[in-house]
């Protein structure tokens, strides 16, 4: 029974990665003014979760980002998607443009999931 759950989680992660890679995703978020603007880690995680769920047609995945995203073109960050079975998938976020307080970014999920650690 555990194998079926693990396989399902990995399948969901693989489908998420494949869908994300095939569609090429981007997002845009307006943030409070600062120099340079920043998008909070919580807001970024939430937005990524919403976008991935919309792209894949799956429930919103749990995503965590380590810090606020600085609105400077070329800035990259690695976030982590964690499936119900504990397997993980990296998500790379890259700032593509900044227009005032609006940070535009692309994101891409890794092609291969890491199995859950026991």
Protein backbone atom coordinates (compact mmCIF):
# COMPACT_ATOMS: atom_id res chain seq x y z
CA UNK A 1 0.00 0.00 0.00
CA UNK A 2 2.87 2.38 0.78
CA UNK A 3 4.35 1.79 -2.67
CA UNK A 4 1.10 2.83 -4.32
CA UNK A 5 1.03 6.08 -2.35
CA UNK A 6 4.69 6.82 -3.10
CA UNK A 7 4.17 6.05 -6.77
CA UNK A 8 1.12 8.31 -6.86
CA UNK A 9 3.06 11.17 -5.26
CA UNK A 10 5.96 10.76 -7.66
CA UNK A 11 3.50 10.54 -10.58
CA UNK A 12 1.87 13.79 -9.49
CA UNK A 13 5.28 15.45 -9.19
CA UNK A 14 6.29 14.11 -12.60
CA UNK A 15 3.05 15.37 -14.14
CA UNK A 16 3.57 18.75 -12.51
CA UNK A 17 7.12 18.95 -13.84
CA UNK A 18 6.16 17.81 -17.32
CA UNK A 19 3.24 20.21 -17.56
CA UNK A 20 5.31 23.09 -16.28
CA UNK A 21 8.17 22.37 -18.66
CA UNK A 22 5.91 22.00 -21.67
CA UNK A 23 3.89 25.15 -21.04
CA UNK A 24 6.63 27.48 -19.83
CA UNK A 25 5.23 29.49 -16.97
CA UNK A 26 5.49 33.05 -15.89
CA UNK A 27 3.81 35.21 -13.31
CA UNK A 28 3.49 38.80 -12.31
CA UNK A 29 2.89 40.15 -8.82
CA UNK A 30 2.58 43.74 -7.63
CA UNK A 31 4.27 44.35 -4.28
CA UNK A 32 4.59 47.17 -1.78
CA UNK A 33 7.08 49.83 -2.79
CA UNK A 34 10.64 49.46 -1.59
CA UNK A 35 14.01 49.84 -3.26
CA UNK A 36 14.25 47.41 -5.01
CA UNK A 37 10.79 45.89 -4.59
CA UNK A 38 10.56 42.52 -2.84
CA UNK A 39 8.00 39.75 -2.98
CA UNK A 40 7.61 37.95 0.35
CA UNK A 41 8.55 34.27 0.47
CA UNK A 42 5.00 33.42 1.62
CA UNK A 43 3.36 35.32 -1.25
CA UNK A 44 5.76 33.79 -3.79
CA UNK A 45 5.08 30.28 -2.44
CA UNK A 46 1.32 30.86 -2.59
CA UNK A 47 1.44 32.30 -6.12
CA UNK A 48 3.59 29.42 -7.39
CA UNK A 49 1.20 26.91 -5.82
CA UNK A 50 -1.79 28.61 -7.48
CA UNK A 51 -0.08 28.76 -10.89
CA UNK A 52 1.08 25.11 -10.80
CA UNK A 53 -2.38 23.91 -9.76
CA UNK A 54 -3.92 25.88 -12.64
CA UNK A 55 -1.40 24.52 -15.17
CA UNK A 56 -1.61 20.87 -14.09
CA UNK A 57 -5.26 20.62 -13.07
CA UNK A 58 -4.06 19.05 -9.80
CA UNK A 59 -4.71 20.25 -6.23
CA UNK A 60 -2.45 23.05 -5.01
CA UNK A 61 0.94 21.62 -4.06
CA UNK A 62 2.84 22.66 -0.94
CA UNK A 63 5.67 25.00 -1.99
CA UNK A 64 8.16 26.72 0.25
CA UNK A 65 10.62 29.44 -0.73
CA UNK A 66 13.62 30.23 1.48
CA UNK A 67 13.46 34.04 1.40
CA UNK A 68 11.85 37.08 -0.19
CA UNK A 69 12.36 37.48 -3.95
CA UNK A 70 14.25 40.67 -4.77
CA UNK A 71 12.81 42.50 -7.77
CA UNK A 72 16.01 42.82 -9.74
CA UNK A 73 16.16 41.43 -13.29
CA UNK A 74 18.15 38.19 -13.40
CA UNK A 75 17.66 37.34 -9.71
CA UNK A 76 17.05 33.61 -9.27
CA UNK A 77 15.75 31.56 -6.37
CA UNK A 78 15.13 27.89 -5.68
CA UNK A 79 11.88 26.89 -4.04
CA UNK A 80 10.76 23.40 -3.06
CA UNK A 81 7.54 21.57 -3.89
CA UNK A 82 6.74 18.77 -1.43
CA UNK A 83 4.23 16.02 -2.29
CA UNK A 84 1.99 14.29 0.22
CA UNK A 85 4.33 11.29 0.26
CA UNK A 86 7.32 13.48 1.18
CA UNK A 87 9.02 13.43 -2.22
CA UNK A 88 10.26 16.82 -3.40
CA UNK A 89 10.74 18.74 -6.61
CA UNK A 90 12.81 21.88 -7.05
CA UNK A 91 11.28 24.97 -8.66
CA UNK A 92 13.55 27.67 -10.09
CA UNK A 93 12.22 31.23 -10.14
CA UNK A 94 13.90 33.96 -12.24
CA UNK A 95 12.97 37.65 -12.30
CA UNK A 96 12.43 38.68 -15.94
CA UNK A 97 11.41 42.32 -15.51
CA UNK A 98 10.39 44.89 -12.93
CA UNK A 99 7.93 47.69 -13.65
CA UNK A 100 7.63 49.95 -10.63
CA UNK A 101 6.32 47.70 -7.86
CA UNK A 102 5.43 44.84 -10.23
CA UNK A 103 7.84 41.90 -10.35
CA UNK A 104 7.52 39.63 -13.40
CA UNK A 105 9.15 36.22 -13.23
CA UNK A 106 9.34 32.85 -14.95
CA UNK A 107 9.44 29.58 -13.08
CA UNK A 108 10.35 26.05 -14.02
CA UNK A 109 10.02 22.79 -12.08
CA UNK A 110 12.86 20.28 -12.15
CA UNK A 111 12.42 17.28 -14.42
CA UNK A 112 13.13 14.71 -11.71
CA UNK A 113 11.70 14.42 -8.20
CA UNK A 114 13.74 13.46 -5.16
CA UNK A 115 12.28 10.55 -3.18
CA UNK A 116 11.06 11.05 0.37
CA UNK A 117 13.66 10.61 3.10
CA UNK A 118 12.79 8.09 5.77
